[in-house]
Amino acid sequence: EKGSLEVGKFADMVVLSNDLIQCSDEAILDTKILM
């Protein structure tokens, strides 16, 4: 039902200001919750 973005699952999502996979370690801490 949740935990990944897939058709049929709940549309529960968060939009972040940074890409947590690609950004630097230091930039992680600057990440904001946009939505």
Full PDB file with SEQRES, HELIX, SHEET, SSBOND, CRYST1, ORIGX, SCALE, CONECT and MASTER records, all heavy atoms in Angstrom:
SEQRES   1 A   35  GLU LYS GLY SER LEU GLU VAL GLY LYS PHE ALA ASP MET          
SEQRES   2 A   35  VAL VAL LEU SER ASN ASP LEU ILE GLN CYS SER ASP GLU          
SEQRES   3 A   35  ALA ILE LEU ASP THR LYS ILE LEU MET                          
HELIX    1 AA1 ASP A   25  ILE A   28  1                                   4    
CRYST1    1.000    1.000    1.000  90.00  90.00  90.00 P 1           1          
ORIGX1      1.000000  0.000000  0.000000        0.00000                         
ORIGX2      0.000000  1.000000  0.000000        0.00000                         
ORIGX3      0.000000  0.000000  1.000000        0.00000                         
SCALE1      1.000000  0.000000  0.000000        0.00000                         
SCALE2      0.000000  1.000000  0.000000        0.00000                         
SCALE3      0.000000  0.000000  1.000000        0.00000                         
ATOM      1  N   GLU A   1       0.800  -1.219   0.000  1.00  0.00           N  
ATOM      2  CA  GLU A   1       0.000   0.000   0.000  1.00  0.00           C  
ATOM      3  C   GLU A   1       0.836   1.275   0.000  1.00  0.00           C  
ATOM      4  O   GLU A   1       0.355   2.340  -0.407  1.00  0.00           O  
ATOM      5  CB  GLU A   1      -0.912   0.043   1.235  1.00  0.00           C  
ATOM      6  CG  GLU A   1      -2.041  -0.966   1.232  1.00  0.00           C  
ATOM      7  CD  GLU A   1      -1.565  -2.375   1.585  1.00  0.00           C  
ATOM      8  OE1 GLU A   1      -0.702  -2.516   2.475  1.00  0.00           O  
ATOM      9  OE2 GLU A   1      -2.058  -3.330   0.948  1.00  0.00           O  
ATOM     10  N   LYS A   2       2.069   1.190   0.476  1.00  0.00           N  
ATOM     11  CA  LYS A   2       2.878   2.396   0.633  1.00  0.00           C  
ATOM     12  C   LYS A   2       4.356   2.049   0.577  1.00  0.00           C  
ATOM     13  O   LYS A   2       4.742   0.899   0.451  1.00  0.00           O  
ATOM     14  CB  LYS A   2       2.554   3.085   1.964  1.00  0.00           C  
ATOM     15  CG  LYS A   2       2.867   2.235   3.181  1.00  0.00           C  
ATOM     16  CD  LYS A   2       2.664   2.971   4.493  1.00  0.00           C  
ATOM     17  CE  LYS A   2       1.232   3.218   4.824  1.00  0.00           C  
ATOM     18  NZ  LYS A   2       1.045   3.665   6.249  1.00  0.00           N  
ATOM     19  N   GLY A   3       5.192   3.081   0.648  1.00  0.00           N  
ATOM     20  CA  GLY A   3       6.638   2.856   0.712  1.00  0.00           C  
ATOM     21  C   GLY A   3       7.365   3.063  -0.597  1.00  0.00           C  
ATOM     22  O   GLY A   3       8.587   3.156  -0.624  1.00  0.00           O  
ATOM     23  N   SER A   4       6.639   3.129  -1.706  1.00  0.00           N  
ATOM     24  CA  SER A   4       7.241   3.396  -3.016  1.00  0.00           C  
ATOM     25  C   SER A   4       6.192   4.027  -3.918  1.00  0.00           C  
ATOM     26  O   SER A   4       4.986   3.910  -3.670  1.00  0.00           O  
ATOM     27  CB  SER A   4       7.772   2.098  -3.651  1.00  0.00           C  
ATOM     28  OG  SER A   4       6.731   1.154  -3.817  1.00  0.00           O  
ATOM     29  N   LEU A   5       6.670   4.695  -4.964  1.00  0.00           N  
ATOM     30  CA  LEU A   5       5.765   5.350  -5.902  1.00  0.00           C  
ATOM     31  C   LEU A   5       5.395   4.358  -6.997  1.00  0.00           C  
ATOM     32  O   LEU A   5       6.137   4.153  -7.951  1.00  0.00           O  
ATOM     33  CB  LEU A   5       6.430   6.595  -6.497  1.00  0.00           C  
ATOM     34  CG  LEU A   5       6.796   7.681  -5.494  1.00  0.00           C  
ATOM     35  CD1 LEU A   5       7.500   8.840  -6.205  1.00  0.00           C  
ATOM     36  CD2 LEU A   5       5.566   8.180  -4.745  1.00  0.00           C  
ATOM     37  N   GLU A   6       4.242   3.715  -6.843  1.00  0.00           N  
ATOM     38  CA  GLU A   6       3.774   2.711  -7.800  1.00  0.00           C  
ATOM     39  C   GLU A   6       2.279   2.873  -8.010  1.00  0.00           C  
ATOM     40  O   GLU A   6       1.549   3.289  -7.101  1.00  0.00           O  
ATOM     41  CB  GLU A   6       4.062   1.295  -7.286  1.00  0.00           C  
ATOM     42  CG  GLU A   6       5.536   0.964  -7.098  1.00  0.00           C  
ATOM     43  CD  GLU A   6       5.737  -0.452  -6.589  1.00  0.00           C  
ATOM     44  OE1 GLU A   6       5.276  -1.386  -7.277  1.00  0.00           O  
ATOM     45  OE2 GLU A   6       6.343  -0.620  -5.508  1.00  0.00           O  
ATOM     46  N   VAL A   7       1.830   2.531  -9.205  1.00  0.00           N  
ATOM     47  CA  VAL A   7       0.404   2.572  -9.514  1.00  0.00           C  
ATOM     48  C   VAL A   7      -0.336   1.645  -8.553  1.00  0.00           C  
ATOM     49  O   VAL A   7       0.065   0.504  -8.327  1.00  0.00           O  
ATOM     50  CB  VAL A   7       0.145   2.145 -10.971  1.00  0.00           C  
ATOM     51  CG1 VAL A   7      -1.360   2.057 -11.245  1.00  0.00           C  
ATOM     52  CG2 VAL A   7       0.793   3.130 -11.936  1.00  0.00           C  
ATOM     53  N   GLY A   8      -1.392   2.163  -7.945  1.00  0.00           N  
ATOM     54  CA  GLY A   8      -2.201   1.354  -7.040  1.00  0.00           C  
ATOM     55  C   GLY A   8      -1.882   1.568  -5.578  1.00  0.00           C  
ATOM     56  O   GLY A   8      -2.658   1.157  -4.711  1.00  0.00           O  
ATOM     57  N   LYS A   9      -0.749   2.209  -5.282  1.00  0.00           N  
ATOM     58  CA  LYS A   9      -0.407   2.499  -3.892  1.00  0.00           C  
ATOM     59  C   LYS A   9      -0.948   3.875  -3.496  1.00  0.00           C  
ATOM     60  O   LYS A   9      -1.329   4.689  -4.336  1.00  0.00           O  
ATOM     61  CB  LYS A   9       1.109   2.459  -3.690  1.00  0.00           C  
ATOM     62  CG  LYS A   9       1.711   1.049  -3.742  1.00  0.00           C  
ATOM     63  CD  LYS A   9       3.163   1.053  -3.266  1.00  0.00           C  
ATOM     64  CE  LYS A   9       3.711  -0.356  -3.154  1.00  0.00           C  
ATOM     65  NZ  LYS A   9       5.074  -0.380  -2.578  1.00  0.00           N  
ATOM     66  N   PHE A  10      -0.955   4.128  -2.180  1.00  0.00           N  
ATOM     67  CA  PHE A  10      -1.385   5.434  -1.698  1.00  0.00           C  
ATOM     68  C   PHE A  10      -0.520   6.530  -2.305  1.00  0.00           C  
ATOM     69  O   PHE A  10       0.704   6.370  -2.424  1.00  0.00           O  
ATOM     70  CB  PHE A  10      -1.264   5.517  -0.173  1.00  0.00           C  
ATOM     71  CG  PHE A  10      -2.123   4.536   0.577  1.00  0.00           C  
ATOM     72  CD1 PHE A  10      -1.660   3.940   1.743  1.00  0.00           C  
ATOM     73  CD2 PHE A  10      -3.398   4.226   0.144  1.00  0.00           C  
ATOM     74  CE1 PHE A  10      -2.445   3.053   2.453  1.00  0.00           C  
ATOM     75  CE2 PHE A  10      -4.198   3.328   0.840  1.00  0.00           C  
ATOM     76  CZ  PHE A  10      -3.714   2.737   1.995  1.00  0.00           C  
ATOM     77  N   ALA A  11      -1.135   7.643  -2.625  1.00  0.00           N  
ATOM     78  CA  ALA A  11      -0.386   8.793  -3.154  1.00  0.00           C  
ATOM     79  C   ALA A  11       0.142   9.621  -1.986  1.00  0.00           C  
ATOM     80  O   ALA A  11      -0.261  10.767  -1.771  1.00  0.00           O  
ATOM     81  CB  ALA A  11      -1.280   9.623  -4.075  1.00  0.00           C  
ATOM     82  N   ASP A  12       1.031   8.994  -1.214  1.00  0.00           N  
ATOM     83  CA  ASP A  12       1.683   9.650  -0.077  1.00  0.00           C  
ATOM     84  C   ASP A  12       3.109   9.973  -0.497  1.00  0.00           C  
ATOM     85  O   ASP A  12       3.907   9.062  -0.764  1.00  0.00           O  
ATOM     86  CB  ASP A  12       1.711   8.736   1.144  1.00  0.00           C  
ATOM     87  CG  ASP A  12       0.323   8.374   1.660  1.00  0.00           C  
ATOM     88  OD1 ASP A  12      -0.664   8.949   1.164  1.00  0.00           O  
ATOM     89  OD2 ASP A  12       0.236   7.526   2.565  1.00  0.00           O  
ATOM     90  N   MET A  13       3.446  11.262  -0.547  1.00  0.00           N  
ATOM     91  CA  MET A  13       4.742  11.664  -1.093  1.00  0.00           C  
ATOM     92  C   MET A  13       5.296  12.868  -0.348  1.00  0.00           C  
ATOM     93  O   MET A  13       4.560  13.593   0.315  1.00  0.00           O  
ATOM     94  CB  MET A  13       4.607  12.030  -2.580  1.00  0.00           C  
ATOM     95  CG  MET A  13       4.250  10.867  -3.480  1.00  0.00           C  
ATOM     96  SD  MET A  13       3.726  11.425  -5.120  1.00  0.00           S  
ATOM     97  CE  MET A  13       1.975  11.690  -4.850  1.00  0.00           C  
ATOM     98  N   VAL A  14       6.594  13.073  -0.499  1.00  0.00           N  
ATOM     99  CA  VAL A  14       7.232  14.284   0.010  1.00  0.00           C  
ATOM    100  C   VAL A  14       8.124  14.844  -1.092  1.00  0.00           C  
ATOM    101  O   VAL A  14       8.770  14.083  -1.829  1.00  0.00           O  
ATOM    102  CB  VAL A  14       8.035  14.006   1.292  1.00  0.00           C  
ATOM    103  CG1 VAL A  14       9.132  12.975   1.062  1.00  0.00           C  
ATOM    104  CG2 VAL A  14       8.626  15.288   1.861  1.00  0.00           C  
ATOM    105  N   VAL A  15       8.105  16.161  -1.252  1.00  0.00           N  
ATOM    106  CA  VAL A  15       8.961  16.841  -2.225  1.00  0.00           C  
ATOM    107  C   VAL A  15      10.075  17.535  -1.449  1.00  0.00           C  
ATOM    108  O   VAL A  15       9.807  18.340  -0.551  1.00  0.00           O  
ATOM    109  CB  VAL A  15       8.162  17.866  -3.050  1.00  0.00           C  
ATOM    110  CG1 VAL A  15       9.079  18.552  -4.063  1.00  0.00           C  
ATOM    111  CG2 VAL A  15       6.987  17.185  -3.749  1.00  0.00           C  
ATOM    112  N   LEU A  16      11.333  17.220  -1.800  1.00  0.00           N  
ATOM    113  CA  LEU A  16      12.497  17.748  -1.097  1.00  0.00           C  
ATOM    114  C   LEU A  16      13.245  18.757  -1.958  1.00  0.00           C  
ATOM    115  O   LEU A  16      13.160  18.724  -3.193  1.00  0.00           O  
ATOM    116  CB  LEU A  16      13.452  16.612  -0.716  1.00  0.00           C  
ATOM    117  CG  LEU A  16      12.861  15.459   0.107  1.00  0.00           C  
ATOM    118  CD1 LEU A  16      13.902  14.367   0.307  1.00  0.00           C  
ATOM    119  CD2 LEU A  16      12.341  15.962   1.440  1.00  0.00           C  
ATOM    120  N   SER A  17      14.029  19.597  -1.312  1.00  0.00           N  
ATOM    121  CA  SER A  17      14.792  20.608  -2.048  1.00  0.00           C  
ATOM    122  C   SER A  17      16.083  20.056  -2.631  1.00  0.00           C  
ATOM    123  O   SER A  17      16.713  20.705  -3.467  1.00  0.00           O  
ATOM    124  CB  SER A  17      15.118  21.788  -1.117  1.00  0.00           C  
ATOM    125  OG  SER A  17      15.939  21.366  -0.041  1.00  0.00           O  
ATOM    126  N   ASN A  18      16.491  18.861  -2.197  1.00  0.00           N  
ATOM    127  CA  ASN A  18      17.708  18.228  -2.711  1.00  0.00           C  
ATOM    128  C   ASN A  18      17.442  16.792  -3.121  1.00  0.00           C  
ATOM    129  O   ASN A  18      16.526  16.136  -2.591  1.00  0.00           O  
ATOM    130  CB  ASN A  18      18.823  18.224  -1.647  1.00  0.00           C  
ATOM    131  CG  ASN A  18      19.536  19.545  -1.527  1.00  0.00           C  
ATOM    132  OD1 ASN A  18      19.772  20.221  -2.525  1.00  0.00           O  
ATOM    133  ND2 ASN A  18      19.866  19.934  -0.303  1.00  0.00           N  
ATOM    134  N   ASP A  19      18.263  16.278  -4.021  1.00  0.00           N  
ATOM    135  CA  ASP A  19      18.255  14.865  -4.393  1.00  0.00           C  
ATOM    136  C   ASP A  19      19.160  14.134  -3.404  1.00  0.00           C  
ATOM    137  O   ASP A  19      20.388  14.260  -3.459  1.00  0.00           O  
ATOM    138  CB  ASP A  19      18.780  14.704  -5.828  1.00  0.00           C  
ATOM    139  CG  ASP A  19      18.807  13.252  -6.286  1.00  0.00           C  
ATOM    140  OD1 ASP A  19      18.686  12.341  -5.440  1.00  0.00           O  
ATOM    141  OD2 ASP A  19      18.975  13.031  -7.499  1.00  0.00           O  
ATOM    142  N   LEU A  20      18.567  13.383  -2.490  1.00  0.00           N  
ATOM    143  CA  LEU A  20      19.350  12.751  -1.431  1.00  0.00           C  
ATOM    144  C   LEU A  20      20.286  11.656  -1.929  1.00  0.00           C  
ATOM    145  O   LEU A  20      21.198  11.252  -1.210  1.00  0.00           O  
ATOM    146  CB  LEU A  20      18.412  12.177  -0.360  1.00  0.00           C  
ATOM    147  CG  LEU A  20      17.613  13.194   0.455  1.00  0.00           C  
ATOM    148  CD1 LEU A  20      16.743  12.491   1.495  1.00  0.00           C  
ATOM    149  CD2 LEU A  20      18.534  14.208   1.125  1.00  0.00           C  
ATOM    150  N   ILE A  21      20.078  11.185  -3.136  1.00  0.00           N  
ATOM    151  CA  ILE A  21      20.999  10.197  -3.709  1.00  0.00           C  
ATOM    152  C   ILE A  21      22.251  10.873  -4.258  1.00  0.00           C  
ATOM    153  O   ILE A  21      23.369  10.377  -4.097  1.00  0.00           O  
ATOM    154  CB  ILE A  21      20.313   9.396  -4.835  1.00  0.00           C  
ATOM    155  CG1 ILE A  21      19.128   8.602  -4.284  1.00  0.00           C  
ATOM    156  CG2 ILE A  21      21.305   8.455  -5.507  1.00  0.00           C  
ATOM    157  CD1 ILE A  21      19.491   7.482  -3.334  1.00  0.00           C  
ATOM    158  N   GLN A  22      22.086  12.035  -4.868  1.00  0.00           N  
ATOM    159  CA  GLN A  22      23.181  12.660  -5.611  1.00  0.00           C  
ATOM    160  C   GLN A  22      23.899  13.787  -4.857  1.00  0.00           C  
ATOM    161  O   GLN A  22      25.056  14.081  -5.164  1.00  0.00           O  
ATOM    162  CB  GLN A  22      22.644  13.228  -6.940  1.00  0.00           C  
ATOM    163  CG  GLN A  22      21.984  12.201  -7.835  1.00  0.00           C  
ATOM    164  CD  GLN A  22      22.948  11.151  -8.352  1.00  0.00           C  
ATOM    165  OE1 GLN A  22      24.151  11.379  -8.401  1.00  0.00           O  
ATOM    166  NE2 GLN A  22      22.416   9.996  -8.737  1.00  0.00           N  
ATOM    167  N   CYS A  23      23.248  14.426  -3.920  1.00  0.00           N  
ATOM    168  CA  CYS A  23      23.852  15.607  -3.301  1.00  0.00           C  
ATOM    169  C   CYS A  23      25.031  15.231  -2.403  1.00  0.00           C  
ATOM    170  O   CYS A  23      25.198  14.075  -2.017  1.00  0.00           O  
ATOM    171  CB  CYS A  23      22.801  16.393  -2.516  1.00  0.00           C  
ATOM    172  SG  CYS A  23      22.240  15.606  -0.989  1.00  0.00           S  
ATOM    173  N   SER A  24      25.838  16.211  -2.057  1.00  0.00           N  
ATOM    174  CA  SER A  24      26.975  15.976  -1.165  1.00  0.00           C  
ATOM    175  C   SER A  24      26.493  15.677   0.245  1.00  0.00           C  
ATOM    176  O   SER A  24      25.347  15.949   0.596  1.00  0.00           O  
ATOM    177  CB  SER A  24      27.877  17.210  -1.134  1.00  0.00           C  
ATOM    178  OG  SER A  24      27.207  18.288  -0.495  1.00  0.00           O  
ATOM    179  N   ASP A  25      27.381  15.112   1.066  1.00  0.00           N  
ATOM    180  CA  ASP A  25      27.022  14.848   2.451  1.00  0.00           C  
ATOM    181  C   ASP A  25      26.567  16.124   3.154  1.00  0.00           C  
ATOM    182  O   ASP A  25      25.568  16.136   3.880  1.00  0.00           O  
ATOM    183  CB  ASP A  25      28.218  14.252   3.211  1.00  0.00           C  
ATOM    184  CG  ASP A  25      28.499  12.800   2.834  1.00  0.00           C  
ATOM    185  OD1 ASP A  25      27.658  12.200   2.134  1.00  0.00           O  
ATOM    186  OD2 ASP A  25      29.540  12.280   3.260  1.00  0.00           O  
ATOM    187  N   GLU A  26      27.312  17.208   2.927  1.00  0.00           N  
ATOM    188  CA  GLU A  26      26.993  18.461   3.599  1.00  0.00           C  
ATOM    189  C   GLU A  26      25.624  18.996   3.168  1.00  0.00           C  
ATOM    190  O   GLU A  26      24.879  19.571   3.971  1.00  0.00           O  
ATOM    191  CB  GLU A  26      28.074  19.511   3.315  1.00  0.00           C  
ATOM    192  CG  GLU A  26      29.441  19.189   3.891  1.00  0.00           C  
ATOM    193  CD  GLU A  26      30.155  18.044   3.158  1.00  0.00           C  
ATOM    194  OE1 GLU A  26      29.839  17.800   1.964  1.00  0.00           O  
ATOM    195  OE2 GLU A  26      30.997  17.387   3.791  1.00  0.00           O  
ATOM    196  N   ALA A  27      25.283  18.795   1.899  1.00  0.00           N  
ATOM    197  CA  ALA A  27      24.013  19.311   1.378  1.00  0.00           C  
ATOM    198  C   ALA A  27      22.808  18.571   1.947  1.00  0.00           C  
ATOM    199  O   ALA A  27      21.693  19.116   1.939  1.00  0.00           O  
ATOM    200  CB  ALA A  27      24.007  19.243  -0.150  1.00  0.00           C  
ATOM    201  N   ILE A  28      23.031  17.357   2.427  1.00  0.00           N  
ATOM    202  CA  ILE A  28      21.909  16.617   3.027  1.00  0.00           C  
ATOM    203  C   ILE A  28      21.255  17.449   4.118  1.00  0.00           C  
ATOM    204  O   ILE A  28      20.024  17.582   4.187  1.00  0.00           O  
ATOM    205  CB  ILE A  28      22.392  15.269   3.607  1.00  0.00           C  
ATOM    206  CG1 ILE A  28      22.820  14.309   2.495  1.00  0.00           C  
ATOM    207  CG2 ILE A  28      21.281  14.627   4.451  1.00  0.00           C  
ATOM    208  CD1 ILE A  28      23.477  13.032   3.003  1.00  0.00           C  
ATOM    209  N   LEU A  29      22.082  18.055   4.961  1.00  0.00           N  
ATOM    210  CA  LEU A  29      21.565  18.790   6.113  1.00  0.00           C  
ATOM    211  C   LEU A  29      20.880  20.092   5.716  1.00  0.00           C  
ATOM    212  O   LEU A  29      20.144  20.676   6.519  1.00  0.00           O  
ATOM    213  CB  LEU A  29      22.694  19.067   7.102  1.00  0.00           C  
ATOM    214  CG  LEU A  29      23.293  17.813   7.755  1.00  0.00           C  
ATOM    215  CD1 LEU A  29      24.515  18.172   8.569  1.00  0.00           C  
ATOM    216  CD2 LEU A  29      22.248  17.110   8.623  1.00  0.00           C  
ATOM    217  N   ASP A  30      21.104  20.549   4.497  1.00  0.00           N  
ATOM    218  CA  ASP A  30      20.438  21.763   3.999  1.00  0.00           C  
ATOM    219  C   ASP A  30      19.098  21.455   3.343  1.00  0.00           C  
ATOM    220  O   ASP A  30      18.391  22.368   2.894  1.00  0.00           O  
ATOM    221  CB  ASP A  30      21.335  22.484   2.987  1.00  0.00           C  
ATOM    222  CG  ASP A  30      22.628  22.987   3.613  1.00  0.00           C  
ATOM    223  OD1 ASP A  30      22.596  23.344   4.804  1.00  0.00           O  
ATOM    224  OD2 ASP A  30      23.665  23.007   2.919  1.00  0.00           O  
ATOM    225  N   THR A  31      18.762  20.183   3.259  1.00  0.00           N  
ATOM    226  CA  THR A  31      17.544  19.772   2.561  1.00  0.00           C  
ATOM    227  C   THR A  31      16.290  20.236   3.309  1.00  0.00           C  
ATOM    228  O   THR A  31      16.170  20.044   4.521  1.00  0.00           O  
ATOM    229  CB  THR A  31      17.520  18.238   2.398  1.00  0.00           C  
ATOM    230  OG1 THR A  31      18.685  17.831   1.679  1.00  0.00           O  
ATOM    231  CG2 THR A  31      16.272  17.787   1.650  1.00  0.00           C  
ATOM    232  N   LYS A  32      15.382  20.830   2.574  1.00  0.00           N  
ATOM    233  CA  LYS A  32      14.127  21.332   3.139  1.00  0.00           C  
ATOM    234  C   LYS A  32      12.940  20.501   2.637  1.00  0.00           C  
ATOM    235  O   LYS A  32      12.988  19.954   1.522  1.00  0.00           O  
ATOM    236  CB  LYS A  32      13.901  22.798   2.749  1.00  0.00           C  
ATOM    237  CG  LYS A  32      15.056  23.730   3.053  1.00  0.00           C  
ATOM    238  CD  LYS A  32      15.368  23.791   4.533  1.00  0.00           C  
ATOM    239  CE  LYS A  32      16.505  24.766   4.806  1.00  0.00           C  
ATOM    240  NZ  LYS A  32      16.931  24.715   6.237  1.00  0.00           N  
ATOM    241  N   ILE A  33      11.917  20.443   3.452  1.00  0.00           N  
ATOM    242  CA  ILE A  33      10.658  19.823   3.032  1.00  0.00           C  
ATOM    243  C   ILE A  33       9.856  20.887   2.293  1.00  0.00           C  
ATOM    244  O   ILE A  33       9.431  21.882   2.886  1.00  0.00           O  
ATOM    245  CB  ILE A  33       9.852  19.308   4.239  1.00  0.00           C  
ATOM    246  CG1 ILE A  33      10.714  18.422   5.147  1.00  0.00           C  
ATOM    247  CG2 ILE A  33       8.595  18.571   3.761  1.00  0.00           C  
ATOM    248  CD1 ILE A  33      11.292  17.208   4.476  1.00  0.00           C  
ATOM    249  N   LEU A  34       9.670  20.704   1.003  1.00  0.00           N  
ATOM    250  CA  LEU A  34       8.927  21.686   0.212  1.00  0.00           C  
ATOM    251  C   LEU A  34       7.426  21.407   0.219  1.00  0.00           C  
ATOM    252  O   LEU A  34       6.624  22.330   0.215  1.00  0.00           O  
ATOM    253  CB  LEU A  34       9.438  21.689  -1.229  1.00  0.00           C  
ATOM    254  CG  LEU A  34      10.922  22.029  -1.422  1.00  0.00           C  
ATOM    255  CD1 LEU A  34      11.273  22.013  -2.903  1.00  0.00           C  
ATOM    256  CD2 LEU A  34      11.263  23.374  -0.789  1.00  0.00           C  
ATOM    257  N   MET A  35       7.085  20.111   0.253  1.00  0.00           N  
ATOM    258  CA  MET A  35       5.677  19.757   0.161  1.00  0.00           C  
ATOM    259  C   MET A  35       5.472  18.345   0.708  1.00  0.00           C  
ATOM    260  O   MET A  35       6.296  17.462   0.479  1.00  0.00           O  
ATOM    261  CB  MET A  35       5.228  19.813  -1.301  1.00  0.00           C  
ATOM    262  CG  MET A  35       3.732  19.764  -1.532  1.00  0.00           C  
ATOM    263  SD  MET A  35       3.371  19.897  -3.317  1.00  0.00           S  
ATOM    264  CE  MET A  35       3.988  21.570  -3.644  1.00  0.00           C  
TER     265      MET A  35                                                      
MASTER        0    0    0    1    0    0    0    6  264    1    0    3          
END                                                                             
